[in-house]
């Protein structure tokens, strides 16, 4: 999932504790790893090594990972927002009064 400012990845990790999981982030990729762990008598969480390409570069210093109810959520701030490069641009309405819209055949002004 992503918003204008963040990229968030949720991963089902039932049976793992925060100590069992390794999260690595580069600007373009998220990697999640876990070794097989015995978490209940006779049950072992399977090892995994999973990577995903991120839809936009992220700032690796602006990453939060939380594990709650068996779901690992990694929230990453997009790089442009963290650097302050992104700027919001106000959207203004048309400057043409109602009823004075350009007629078909009129040339658009730049």
PDB file of N, CA and C in Angstrom:
ATOM      1  N   UNK A   1       0.850  -1.170   0.000  1.00  0.00           N
ATOM      2  CA  UNK A   1       0.000   0.000   0.000  1.00  0.00           C
ATOM      3  C   UNK A   1       0.899   1.237   0.000  1.00  0.00           C
ATOM      4  N   UNK A   2       0.463   2.258  -0.681  1.00  0.00           N
ATOM      5  CA  UNK A   2       1.233   3.493  -0.632  1.00  0.00           C
ATOM      6  C   UNK A   2       0.319   4.703  -0.615  1.00  0.00           C
ATOM      7  N   UNK A   3       0.862   5.748   0.003  1.00  0.00           N
ATOM      8  CA  UNK A   3       0.200   7.038   0.010  1.00  0.00           C
ATOM      9  C   UNK A   3       1.127   8.000  -0.718  1.00  0.00           C
ATOM     10  N   UNK A   4       0.765   9.239  -0.733  1.00  0.00           N
ATOM     11  CA  UNK A   4       1.612  10.234  -1.388  1.00  0.00           C
ATOM     12  C   UNK A   4       2.967  10.377  -0.667  1.00  0.00           C
ATOM     13  N   UNK A   5       3.012  10.041   0.633  1.00  0.00           N
ATOM     14  CA  UNK A   5       4.231  10.219   1.422  1.00  0.00           C
ATOM     15  C   UNK A   5       4.934   8.917   1.803  1.00  0.00           C
ATOM     16  N   UNK A   6       4.200   7.799   1.888  1.00  0.00           N
ATOM     17  CA  UNK A   6       4.754   6.561   2.440  1.00  0.00           C
ATOM     18  C   UNK A   6       4.472   5.351   1.565  1.00  0.00           C
ATOM     19  N   UNK A   7       5.292   4.321   1.786  1.00  0.00           N
ATOM     20  CA  UNK A   7       5.057   2.987   1.247  1.00  0.00           C
ATOM     21  C   UNK A   7       4.961   2.062   2.455  1.00  0.00           C
ATOM     22  N   UNK A   8       3.910   1.234   2.522  1.00  0.00           N
ATOM     23  CA  UNK A   8       3.722   0.312   3.637  1.00  0.00           C
ATOM     24  C   UNK A   8       3.554  -1.098   3.092  1.00  0.00           C
ATOM     25  N   UNK A   9       4.289  -2.045   3.703  1.00  0.00           N
ATOM     26  CA  UNK A   9       4.182  -3.450   3.340  1.00  0.00           C
ATOM     27  C   UNK A   9       3.794  -4.221   4.594  1.00  0.00           C
ATOM     28  N   UNK A  10       2.764  -5.059   4.482  1.00  0.00           N
ATOM     29  CA  UNK A  10       2.337  -5.915   5.596  1.00  0.00           C
ATOM     30  C   UNK A  10       2.588  -7.367   5.199  1.00  0.00           C
ATOM     31  N   UNK A  11       3.107  -8.147   6.132  1.00  0.00           N
ATOM     32  CA  UNK A  11       3.507  -9.526   5.857  1.00  0.00           C
ATOM     33  C   UNK A  11       3.033 -10.399   7.011  1.00  0.00           C
ATOM     34  N   UNK A  12       2.293 -11.462   6.699  1.00  0.00           N
ATOM     35  CA  UNK A  12       1.840 -12.389   7.738  1.00  0.00           C
ATOM     36  C   UNK A  12       3.030 -13.198   8.246  1.00  0.00           C
ATOM     37  N   UNK A  13       3.278 -13.112   9.545  1.00  0.00           N
ATOM     38  CA  UNK A  13       4.397 -13.824  10.166  1.00  0.00           C
ATOM     39  C   UNK A  13       3.962 -14.440  11.493  1.00  0.00           C
ATOM     40  N   UNK A  14       2.923 -15.283  11.468  1.00  0.00           N
ATOM     41  CA  UNK A  14       2.440 -15.857  12.730  1.00  0.00           C
ATOM     42  C   UNK A  14       3.492 -16.768  13.346  1.00  0.00           C
ATOM     43  N   UNK A  15       3.627 -16.694  14.659  1.00  0.00           N
ATOM     44  CA  UNK A  15       4.571 -17.555  15.360  1.00  0.00           C
ATOM     45  C   UNK A  15       5.960 -16.989  15.507  1.00  0.00           C
ATOM     46  N   UNK A  16       6.238 -15.882  14.880  1.00  0.00           N
ATOM     47  CA  UNK A  16       7.562 -15.272  14.989  1.00  0.00           C
ATOM     48  C   UNK A  16       7.520 -14.141  15.999  1.00  0.00           C
ATOM     49  N   UNK A  17       8.644 -13.961  16.687  1.00  0.00           N
ATOM     50  CA  UNK A  17       8.790 -12.795  17.556  1.00  0.00           C
ATOM     51  C   UNK A  17       9.618 -11.768  16.809  1.00  0.00           C
ATOM     52  N   UNK A  18       9.680 -10.568  17.334  1.00  0.00           N
ATOM     53  CA  UNK A  18      10.460  -9.516  16.669  1.00  0.00           C
ATOM     54  C   UNK A  18      11.939  -9.889  16.606  1.00  0.00           C
ATOM     55  N   UNK A  19      12.405 -10.744  17.533  1.00  0.00           N
ATOM     56  CA  UNK A  19      13.816 -11.169  17.532  1.00  0.00           C
ATOM     57  C   UNK A  19      14.113 -12.166  16.422  1.00  0.00           C
ATOM     58  N   UNK A  20      13.082 -12.846  15.917  1.00  0.00           N
ATOM     59  CA  UNK A  20      13.263 -13.849  14.868  1.00  0.00           C
ATOM     60  C   UNK A  20      13.383 -13.236  13.481  1.00  0.00           C
ATOM     61  N   UNK A  21      12.934 -12.008  13.312  1.00  0.00           N
ATOM     62  CA  UNK A  21      12.815 -11.395  11.988  1.00  0.00           C
ATOM     63  C   UNK A  21      13.949 -10.424  11.706  1.00  0.00           C
ATOM     64  N   UNK A  22      14.388 -10.434  10.466  1.00  0.00           N
ATOM     65  CA  UNK A  22      15.405  -9.494   9.992  1.00  0.00           C
ATOM     66  C   UNK A  22      14.781  -8.693   8.850  1.00  0.00           C
ATOM     67  N   UNK A  23      14.813  -7.379   8.976  1.00  0.00           N
ATOM     68  CA  UNK A  23      14.267  -6.483   7.954  1.00  0.00           C
ATOM     69  C   UNK A  23      15.410  -5.647   7.421  1.00  0.00           C
ATOM     70  N   UNK A  24      15.607  -5.691   6.111  1.00  0.00           N
ATOM     71  CA  UNK A  24      16.631  -4.868   5.455  1.00  0.00           C
ATOM     72  C   UNK A  24      15.955  -4.031   4.372  1.00  0.00           C
ATOM     73  N   UNK A  25      16.360  -2.770   4.291  1.00  0.00           N
ATOM     74  CA  UNK A  25      15.759  -1.872   3.309  1.00  0.00           C
ATOM     75  C   UNK A  25      16.858  -1.135   2.566  1.00  0.00           C
ATOM     76  N   UNK A  26      16.759  -1.160   1.245  1.00  0.00           N
ATOM     77  CA  UNK A  26      17.572  -0.280   0.400  1.00  0.00           C
ATOM     78  C   UNK A  26      16.578   0.711  -0.201  1.00  0.00           C
ATOM     79  N   UNK A  27      17.046   1.738  -0.873  1.00  0.00           N
ATOM     80  CA  UNK A  27      16.091   2.696  -1.429  1.00  0.00           C
ATOM     81  C   UNK A  27      15.062   2.059  -2.376  1.00  0.00           C
ATOM     82  N   UNK A  28      15.425   0.954  -3.037  1.00  0.00           N
ATOM     83  CA  UNK A  28      14.528   0.353  -4.020  1.00  0.00           C
ATOM     84  C   UNK A  28      13.969  -1.007  -3.640  1.00  0.00           C
ATOM     85  N   UNK A  29      14.395  -1.600  -2.509  1.00  0.00           N
ATOM     86  CA  UNK A  29      14.015  -2.976  -2.205  1.00  0.00           C
ATOM     87  C   UNK A  29      13.834  -3.204  -0.700  1.00  0.00           C
ATOM     88  N   UNK A  30      12.859  -4.049  -0.358  1.00  0.00           N
ATOM     89  CA  UNK A  30      12.636  -4.468   1.023  1.00  0.00           C
ATOM     90  C   UNK A  30      12.909  -5.961   1.085  1.00  0.00           C
ATOM     91  N   UNK A  31      13.702  -6.400   2.076  1.00  0.00           N
ATOM     92  CA  UNK A  31      14.015  -7.816   2.259  1.00  0.00           C
ATOM     93  C   UNK A  31      13.633  -8.231   3.680  1.00  0.00           C
ATOM     94  N   UNK A  32      12.879  -9.331   3.789  1.00  0.00           N
ATOM     95  CA  UNK A  32      12.470  -9.884   5.076  1.00  0.00           C
ATOM     96  C   UNK A  32      13.019 -11.294   5.184  1.00  0.00           C
ATOM     97  N   UNK A  33      13.604 -11.612   6.348  1.00  0.00           N
ATOM     98  CA  UNK A  33      14.175 -12.937   6.556  1.00  0.00           C
ATOM     99  C   UNK A  33      13.821 -13.453   7.937  1.00  0.00           C
ATOM    100  N   UNK A  34      13.756 -14.799   8.044  1.00  0.00           N
ATOM    101  CA  UNK A  34      13.612 -15.454   9.344  1.00  0.00           C
ATOM    102  C   UNK A  34      14.147 -16.868   9.207  1.00  0.00           C
ATOM    103  N   UNK A  35      14.861 -17.299  10.217  1.00  0.00           N
ATOM    104  CA  UNK A  35      15.293 -18.689  10.269  1.00  0.00           C
ATOM    105  C   UNK A  35      14.135 -19.488  10.850  1.00  0.00           C
ATOM    106  N   UNK A  36      14.092 -20.783  10.589  1.00  0.00           N
ATOM    107  CA  UNK A  36      13.047 -21.617  11.180  1.00  0.00           C
ATOM    108  C   UNK A  36      13.168 -21.570  12.694  1.00  0.00           C
ATOM    109  N   UNK A  37      12.069 -21.351  13.380  1.00  0.00           N
ATOM    110  CA  UNK A  37      12.073 -21.228  14.837  1.00  0.00           C
ATOM    111  C   UNK A  37      10.988 -22.119  15.427  1.00  0.00           C
ATOM    112  N   UNK A  38      11.305 -22.770  16.540  1.00  0.00           N
ATOM    113  CA  UNK A  38      10.268 -23.508  17.246  1.00  0.00           C
ATOM    114  C   UNK A  38       9.548 -22.511  18.135  1.00  0.00           C
ATOM    115  N   UNK A  39       8.249 -22.353  17.912  1.00  0.00           N
ATOM    116  CA  UNK A  39       7.507 -21.350  18.659  1.00  0.00           C
ATOM    117  C   UNK A  39       6.437 -21.935  19.545  1.00  0.00           C
ATOM    118  N   UNK A  40       6.086 -23.178  19.340  1.00  0.00           N
ATOM    119  CA  UNK A  40       5.198 -23.916  20.236  1.00  0.00           C
ATOM    120  C   UNK A  40       5.670 -25.360  20.229  1.00  0.00           C
ATOM    121  N   UNK A  41       5.296 -26.080  21.241  1.00  0.00           N
ATOM    122  CA  UNK A  41       5.708 -27.478  21.323  1.00  0.00           C
ATOM    123  C   UNK A  41       5.345 -28.209  20.030  1.00  0.00           C
ATOM    124  N   UNK A  42       6.363 -28.689  19.328  1.00  0.00           N
ATOM    125  CA  UNK A  42       6.143 -29.470  18.119  1.00  0.00           C
ATOM    126  C   UNK A  42       5.887 -28.677  16.858  1.00  0.00           C
ATOM    127  N   UNK A  43       5.775 -27.352  16.923  1.00  0.00           N
ATOM    128  CA  UNK A  43       5.503 -26.556  15.726  1.00  0.00           C
ATOM    129  C   UNK A  43       6.694 -25.637  15.436  1.00  0.00           C
ATOM    130  N   UNK A  44       7.045 -25.568  14.183  1.00  0.00           N
ATOM    131  CA  UNK A  44       8.190 -24.743  13.788  1.00  0.00           C
ATOM    132  C   UNK A  44       7.750 -23.774  12.698  1.00  0.00           C
ATOM    133  N   UNK A  45       8.062 -22.503  12.886  1.00  0.00           N
ATOM    134  CA  UNK A  45       7.795 -21.515  11.844  1.00  0.00           C
ATOM    135  C   UNK A  45       8.792 -21.740  10.717  1.00  0.00           C
ATOM    136  N   UNK A  46       8.313 -21.787   9.505  1.00  0.00           N
ATOM    137  CA  UNK A  46       9.183 -22.062   8.362  1.00  0.00           C
ATOM    138  C   UNK A  46      10.141 -20.903   8.121  1.00  0.00           C
ATOM    139  N   UNK A  47      11.370 -21.226   7.731  1.00  0.00           N
ATOM    140  CA  UNK A  47      12.297 -20.138   7.379  1.00  0.00           C
ATOM    141  C   UNK A  47      11.829 -19.482   6.077  1.00  0.00           C
ATOM    142  N   UNK A  48      12.145 -18.217   5.933  1.00  0.00           N
ATOM    143  CA  UNK A  48      11.833 -17.546   4.681  1.00  0.00           C
ATOM    144  C   UNK A  48      12.849 -16.462   4.401  1.00  0.00           C
ATOM    145  N   UNK A  49      12.969 -16.120   3.150  1.00  0.00           N
ATOM    146  CA  UNK A  49      13.806 -15.023   2.678  1.00  0.00           C
ATOM    147  C   UNK A  49      13.025 -14.420   1.516  1.00  0.00           C
ATOM    148  N   UNK A  50      12.438 -13.268   1.749  1.00  0.00           N
ATOM    149  CA  UNK A  50      11.502 -12.674   0.806  1.00  0.00           C
ATOM    150  C   UNK A  50      11.940 -11.256   0.482  1.00  0.00           C
ATOM    151  N   UNK A  51      11.971 -10.918  -0.798  1.00  0.00           N
ATOM    152  CA  UNK A  51      12.331  -9.565  -1.233  1.00  0.00           C
ATOM    153  C   UNK A  51      11.244  -9.034  -2.154  1.00  0.00           C
ATOM    154  N   UNK A  52      11.065  -7.722  -2.090  1.00  0.00           N
ATOM    155  CA  UNK A  52      10.089  -7.080  -2.971  1.00  0.00           C
ATOM    156  C   UNK A  52      10.665  -5.744  -3.438  1.00  0.00           C
ATOM    157  N   UNK A  53      10.495  -5.474  -4.727  1.00  0.00           N
ATOM    158  CA  UNK A  53      10.893  -4.177  -5.269  1.00  0.00           C
ATOM    159  C   UNK A  53       9.872  -3.146  -4.814  1.00  0.00           C
ATOM    160  N   UNK A  54      10.349  -1.998  -4.396  1.00  0.00           N
ATOM    161  CA  UNK A  54       9.466  -0.930  -3.920  1.00  0.00           C
ATOM    162  C   UNK A  54       9.005  -0.080  -5.097  1.00  0.00           C
ATOM    163  N   UNK A  55       7.786   0.433  -5.042  1.00  0.00           N
ATOM    164  CA  UNK A  55       7.251   1.201  -6.174  1.00  0.00           C
ATOM    165  C   UNK A  55       7.946   2.548  -6.380  1.00  0.00           C
ATOM    166  N   UNK A  56       8.544   3.087  -5.312  1.00  0.00           N
ATOM    167  CA  UNK A  56       9.286   4.348  -5.390  1.00  0.00           C
ATOM    168  C   UNK A  56      10.435   4.280  -4.403  1.00  0.00           C
ATOM    169  N   UNK A  57      11.527   5.011  -4.640  1.00  0.00           N
ATOM    170  CA  UNK A  57      12.636   5.003  -3.684  1.00  0.00           C
ATOM    171  C   UNK A  57      12.194   5.513  -2.313  1.00  0.00           C
ATOM    172  N   UNK A  58      12.749   4.905  -1.262  1.00  0.00           N
ATOM    173  CA  UNK A  58      12.442   5.313   0.106  1.00  0.00           C
ATOM    174  C   UNK A  58      13.709   5.794   0.798  1.00  0.00           C
ATOM    175  N   UNK A  59      13.521   6.550   1.863  1.00  0.00           N
ATOM    176  CA  UNK A  59      14.635   7.002   2.697  1.00  0.00           C
ATOM    177  C   UNK A  59      14.884   5.910   3.727  1.00  0.00           C
ATOM    178  N   UNK A  60      16.035   5.260   3.668  1.00  0.00           N
ATOM    179  CA  UNK A  60      16.319   4.132   4.556  1.00  0.00           C
ATOM    180  C   UNK A  60      16.458   4.558   6.019  1.00  0.00           C
ATOM    181  N   UNK A  61      16.571   5.834   6.275  1.00  0.00           N
ATOM    182  CA  UNK A  61      16.619   6.333   7.654  1.00  0.00           C
ATOM    183  C   UNK A  61      15.220   6.601   8.214  1.00  0.00           C
ATOM    184  N   UNK A  62      14.210   6.491   7.383  1.00  0.00           N
ATOM    185  CA  UNK A  62      12.834   6.775   7.787  1.00  0.00           C
ATOM    186  C   UNK A  62      11.969   5.520   7.619  1.00  0.00           C
ATOM    187  N   UNK A  63      12.362   4.438   8.314  1.00  0.00           N
ATOM    188  CA  UNK A  63      11.663   3.159   8.214  1.00  0.00           C
ATOM    189  C   UNK A  63      11.268   2.705   9.616  1.00  0.00           C
ATOM    190  N   UNK A  64      10.007   2.240   9.742  1.00  0.00           N
ATOM    191  CA  UNK A  64       9.530   1.694  11.013  1.00  0.00           C
ATOM    192  C   UNK A  64       8.958   0.315  10.750  1.00  0.00           C
ATOM    193  N   UNK A  65       9.389  -0.681  11.536  1.00  0.00           N
ATOM    194  CA  UNK A  65       8.865  -2.041  11.422  1.00  0.00           C
ATOM    195  C   UNK A  65       8.227  -2.422  12.747  1.00  0.00           C
ATOM    196  N   UNK A  66       6.989  -2.924  12.691  1.00  0.00           N
ATOM    197  CA  UNK A  66       6.293  -3.352  13.899  1.00  0.00           C
ATOM    198  C   UNK A  66       5.696  -4.734  13.659  1.00  0.00           C
ATOM    199  N   UNK A  67       5.684  -5.526  14.715  1.00  0.00           N
ATOM    200  CA  UNK A  67       5.083  -6.855  14.672  1.00  0.00           C
ATOM    201  C   UNK A  67       3.963  -6.885  15.690  1.00  0.00           C
ATOM    202  N   UNK A  68       2.741  -7.075  15.199  1.00  0.00           N
ATOM    203  CA  UNK A  68       1.584  -7.095  16.093  1.00  0.00           C
ATOM    204  C   UNK A  68       0.596  -8.144  15.613  1.00  0.00           C
ATOM    205  N   UNK A  69       0.209  -9.026  16.521  1.00  0.00           N
ATOM    206  CA  UNK A  69      -0.760 -10.080  16.221  1.00  0.00           C
ATOM    207  C   UNK A  69      -0.362 -10.911  15.002  1.00  0.00           C
ATOM    208  N   UNK A  70       0.926 -11.216  14.878  1.00  0.00           N
ATOM    209  CA  UNK A  70       1.396 -12.059  13.789  1.00  0.00           C
ATOM    210  C   UNK A  70       1.530 -11.369  12.448  1.00  0.00           C
ATOM    211  N   UNK A  71       1.403 -10.048  12.417  1.00  0.00           N
ATOM    212  CA  UNK A  71       1.540  -9.290  11.165  1.00  0.00           C
ATOM    213  C   UNK A  71       2.705  -8.316  11.310  1.00  0.00           C
ATOM    214  N   UNK A  72       3.687  -8.459  10.434  1.00  0.00           N
ATOM    215  CA  UNK A  72       4.818  -7.535  10.384  1.00  0.00           C
ATOM    216  C   UNK A  72       4.456  -6.420   9.416  1.00  0.00           C
ATOM    217  N   UNK A  73       4.489  -5.181   9.896  1.00  0.00           N
ATOM    218  CA  UNK A  73       4.182  -4.025   9.062  1.00  0.00           C
ATOM    219  C   UNK A  73       5.422  -3.155   8.972  1.00  0.00           C
ATOM    220  N   UNK A  74       5.838  -2.863   7.749  1.00  0.00           N
ATOM    221  CA  UNK A  74       7.007  -2.014   7.518  1.00  0.00           C
ATOM    222  C   UNK A  74       6.526  -0.758   6.805  1.00  0.00           C
ATOM    223  N   UNK A  75       6.687   0.389   7.459  1.00  0.00           N
ATOM    224  CA  UNK A  75       6.265   1.671   6.897  1.00  0.00           C
ATOM    225  C   UNK A  75       7.514   2.476   6.563  1.00  0.00           C
ATOM    226  N   UNK A  76       7.613   2.923   5.309  1.00  0.00           N
ATOM    227  CA  UNK A  76       8.795   3.613   4.813  1.00  0.00           C
ATOM    228  C   UNK A  76       8.404   4.950   4.199  1.00  0.00           C
ATOM    229  N   UNK A  77       9.113   6.007   4.538  1.00  0.00           N
ATOM    230  CA  UNK A  77       8.857   7.325   3.963  1.00  0.00           C
ATOM    231  C   UNK A  77       9.539   7.400   2.600  1.00  0.00           C
ATOM    232  N   UNK A  78       8.804   7.869   1.608  1.00  0.00           N
ATOM    233  CA  UNK A  78       9.378   8.024   0.277  1.00  0.00           C
ATOM    234  C   UNK A  78      10.525   9.026   0.327  1.00  0.00           C
ATOM    235  N   UNK A  79      11.542   8.792  -0.471  1.00  0.00           N
ATOM    236  CA  UNK A  79      12.769   9.584  -0.418  1.00  0.00           C
ATOM    237  C   UNK A  79      12.536  11.071  -0.656  1.00  0.00           C
ATOM    238  N   UNK A  80      11.720  11.431  -1.607  1.00  0.00           N
ATOM    239  CA  UNK A  80      11.507  12.856  -1.902  1.00  0.00           C
ATOM    240  C   UNK A  80      10.896  13.576  -0.717  1.00  0.00           C
ATOM    241  N   UNK A  81       9.989  12.918   0.018  1.00  0.00           N
ATOM    242  CA  UNK A  81       9.357  13.553   1.176  1.00  0.00           C
ATOM    243  C   UNK A  81      10.361  13.743   2.295  1.00  0.00           C
ATOM    244  N   UNK A  82      11.228  12.767   2.508  1.00  0.00           N
ATOM    245  CA  UNK A  82      12.202  12.856   3.593  1.00  0.00           C
ATOM    246  C   UNK A  82      13.230  13.953   3.327  1.00  0.00           C
ATOM    247  N   UNK A  83      13.609  14.125   2.065  1.00  0.00           N
ATOM    248  CA  UNK A  83      14.590  15.162   1.725  1.00  0.00           C
ATOM    249  C   UNK A  83      13.959  16.537   1.677  1.00  0.00           C
ATOM    250  N   UNK A  84      12.660  16.580   1.623  1.00  0.00           N
ATOM    251  CA  UNK A  84      11.993  17.867   1.511  1.00  0.00           C
ATOM    252  C   UNK A  84      11.906  18.354   0.082  1.00  0.00           C
ATOM    253  N   UNK A  85      12.206  17.467  -0.891  1.00  0.00           N
ATOM    254  CA  UNK A  85      12.163  17.865  -2.291  1.00  0.00           C
ATOM    255  C   UNK A  85      10.743  17.965  -2.825  1.00  0.00           C
ATOM    256  N   UNK A  86       9.849  17.200  -2.250  1.00  0.00           N
ATOM    257  CA  UNK A  86       8.479  17.210  -2.742  1.00  0.00           C
ATOM    258  C   UNK A  86       7.771  18.468  -2.242  1.00  0.00           C
ATOM    259  N   UNK A  87       7.034  19.062  -3.130  1.00  0.00           N
ATOM    260  CA  UNK A  87       6.307  20.273  -2.764  1.00  0.00           C
ATOM    261  C   UNK A  87       4.860  20.104  -3.179  1.00  0.00           C
ATOM    262  N   UNK A  88       3.976  20.548  -2.329  1.00  0.00           N
ATOM    263  CA  UNK A  88       2.559  20.514  -2.640  1.00  0.00           C
ATOM    264  C   UNK A  88       2.230  21.733  -3.479  1.00  0.00           C
ATOM    265  N   UNK A  89       1.453  21.533  -4.502  1.00  0.00           N
ATOM    266  CA  UNK A  89       1.068  22.607  -5.401  1.00  0.00           C
ATOM    267  C   UNK A  89      -0.431  22.824  -5.251  1.00  0.00           C
ATOM    268  N   UNK A  90      -0.835  24.036  -4.949  1.00  0.00           N
ATOM    269  CA  UNK A  90      -2.270  24.271  -4.799  1.00  0.00           C
ATOM    270  C   UNK A  90      -2.989  24.099  -6.141  1.00  0.00           C
ATOM    271  N   UNK A  91      -4.170  23.583  -6.079  1.00  0.00           N
ATOM    272  CA  UNK A  91      -4.996  23.416  -7.273  1.00  0.00           C
ATOM    273  C   UNK A  91      -6.032  24.524  -7.258  1.00  0.00           C
ATOM    274  N   UNK A  92      -6.046  25.288  -8.314  1.00  0.00           N
ATOM    275  CA  UNK A  92      -6.972  26.407  -8.392  1.00  0.00           C
ATOM    276  C   UNK A  92      -8.070  26.093  -9.385  1.00  0.00           C
ATOM    277  N   UNK A  93      -9.191  26.703  -9.162  1.00  0.00           N
ATOM    278  CA  UNK A  93     -10.302  26.525 -10.094  1.00  0.00           C
ATOM    279  C   UNK A  93     -10.046  27.306 -11.363  1.00  0.00           C
ATOM    280  N   UNK A  94     -10.864  27.062 -12.340  1.00  0.00           N
ATOM    281  CA  UNK A  94     -10.756  27.778 -13.608  1.00  0.00           C
ATOM    282  C   UNK A  94     -10.988  29.260 -13.387  1.00  0.00           C
ATOM    283  N   UNK A  95     -10.313  30.091 -14.146  1.00  0.00           N
ATOM    284  CA  UNK A  95     -10.476  31.535 -13.999  1.00  0.00           C
ATOM    285  C   UNK A  95     -11.578  32.072 -14.905  1.00  0.00           C
ATOM    286  N   UNK A  96     -12.275  31.157 -15.569  1.00  0.00           N
ATOM    287  CA  UNK A  96     -13.354  31.566 -16.467  1.00  0.00           C
ATOM    288  C   UNK A  96     -14.665  31.537 -15.679  1.00  0.00           C
ATOM    289  N   UNK A  97     -15.407  32.615 -15.752  1.00  0.00           N
ATOM    290  CA  UNK A  97     -16.691  32.680 -15.052  1.00  0.00           C
ATOM    291  C   UNK A  97     -17.675  31.712 -15.688  1.00  0.00           C
ATOM    292  N   UNK A  98     -18.597  31.166 -14.895  1.00  0.00           N
ATOM    293  CA  UNK A  98     -19.597  30.253 -15.460  1.00  0.00           C
ATOM    294  C   UNK A  98     -20.329  30.904 -16.628  1.00  0.00           C
ATOM    295  N   UNK A  99     -20.571  30.122 -17.656  1.00  0.00           N
ATOM    296  CA  UNK A  99     -21.263  30.644 -18.831  1.00  0.00           C
ATOM    297  C   UNK A  99     -20.324  31.290 -19.832  1.00  0.00           C
ATOM    298  N   UNK A 100     -19.043  31.448 -19.461  1.00  0.00           N
ATOM    299  CA  UNK A 100     -18.070  32.044 -20.373  1.00  0.00           C
ATOM    300  C   UNK A 100     -16.997  31.053 -20.763  1.00  0.00           C
ATOM    301  N   UNK A 101     -17.327  29.787 -20.731  1.00  0.00           N
ATOM    302  CA  UNK A 101     -16.372  28.748 -21.099  1.00  0.00           C
ATOM    303  C   UNK A 101     -16.025  28.897 -22.572  1.00  0.00           C
ATOM    304  N   UNK A 102     -14.802  28.538 -22.948  1.00  0.00           N
ATOM    305  CA  UNK A 102     -14.412  28.630 -24.359  1.00  0.00           C
ATOM    306  C   UNK A 102     -15.340  27.801 -25.234  1.00  0.00           C
ATOM    307  N   UNK A 103     -15.659  28.316 -26.388  1.00  0.00           N
ATOM    308  CA  UNK A 103     -16.525  27.618 -27.333  1.00  0.00           C
ATOM    309  C   UNK A 103     -15.676  26.693 -28.189  1.00  0.00           C
ATOM    310  N   UNK A 104     -16.329  25.696 -28.731  1.00  0.00           N
ATOM    311  CA  UNK A 104     -15.637  24.759 -29.612  1.00  0.00           C
ATOM    312  C   UNK A 104     -14.996  25.558 -30.739  1.00  0.00           C
ATOM    313  N   UNK A 105     -13.760  25.238 -31.035  1.00  0.00           N
ATOM    314  CA  UNK A 105     -13.042  25.953 -32.080  1.00  0.00           C
ATOM    315  C   UNK A 105     -12.150  27.055 -31.540  1.00  0.00           C
ATOM    316  N   UNK A 106     -12.402  27.521 -30.296  1.00  0.00           N
ATOM    317  CA  UNK A 106     -11.513  28.514 -29.689  1.00  0.00           C
ATOM    318  C   UNK A 106     -10.180  27.854 -29.402  1.00  0.00           C
ATOM    319  N   UNK A 107      -9.096  28.607 -29.498  1.00  0.00           N
ATOM    320  CA  UNK A 107      -7.788  28.076 -29.211  1.00  0.00           C
ATOM    321  C   UNK A 107      -7.514  28.173 -27.721  1.00  0.00           C
ATOM    322  N   UNK A 108      -6.909  27.129 -27.192  1.00  0.00           N
ATOM    323  CA  UNK A 108      -6.552  27.135 -25.774  1.00  0.00           C
ATOM    324  C   UNK A 108      -5.341  28.023 -25.555  1.00  0.00           C
ATOM    325  N   UNK A 109      -5.328  28.720 -24.429  1.00  0.00           N
ATOM    326  CA  UNK A 109      -4.189  29.577 -24.083  1.00  0.00           C
ATOM    327  C   UNK A 109      -3.219  28.803 -23.205  1.00  0.00           C
ATOM    328  N   UNK A 110      -1.931  29.034 -23.397  1.00  0.00           N
ATOM    329  CA  UNK A 110      -0.905  28.369 -22.594  1.00  0.00           C
ATOM    330  C   UNK A 110      -0.571  29.194 -21.387  1.00  0.00           C
TER     331      UNK A 110
END
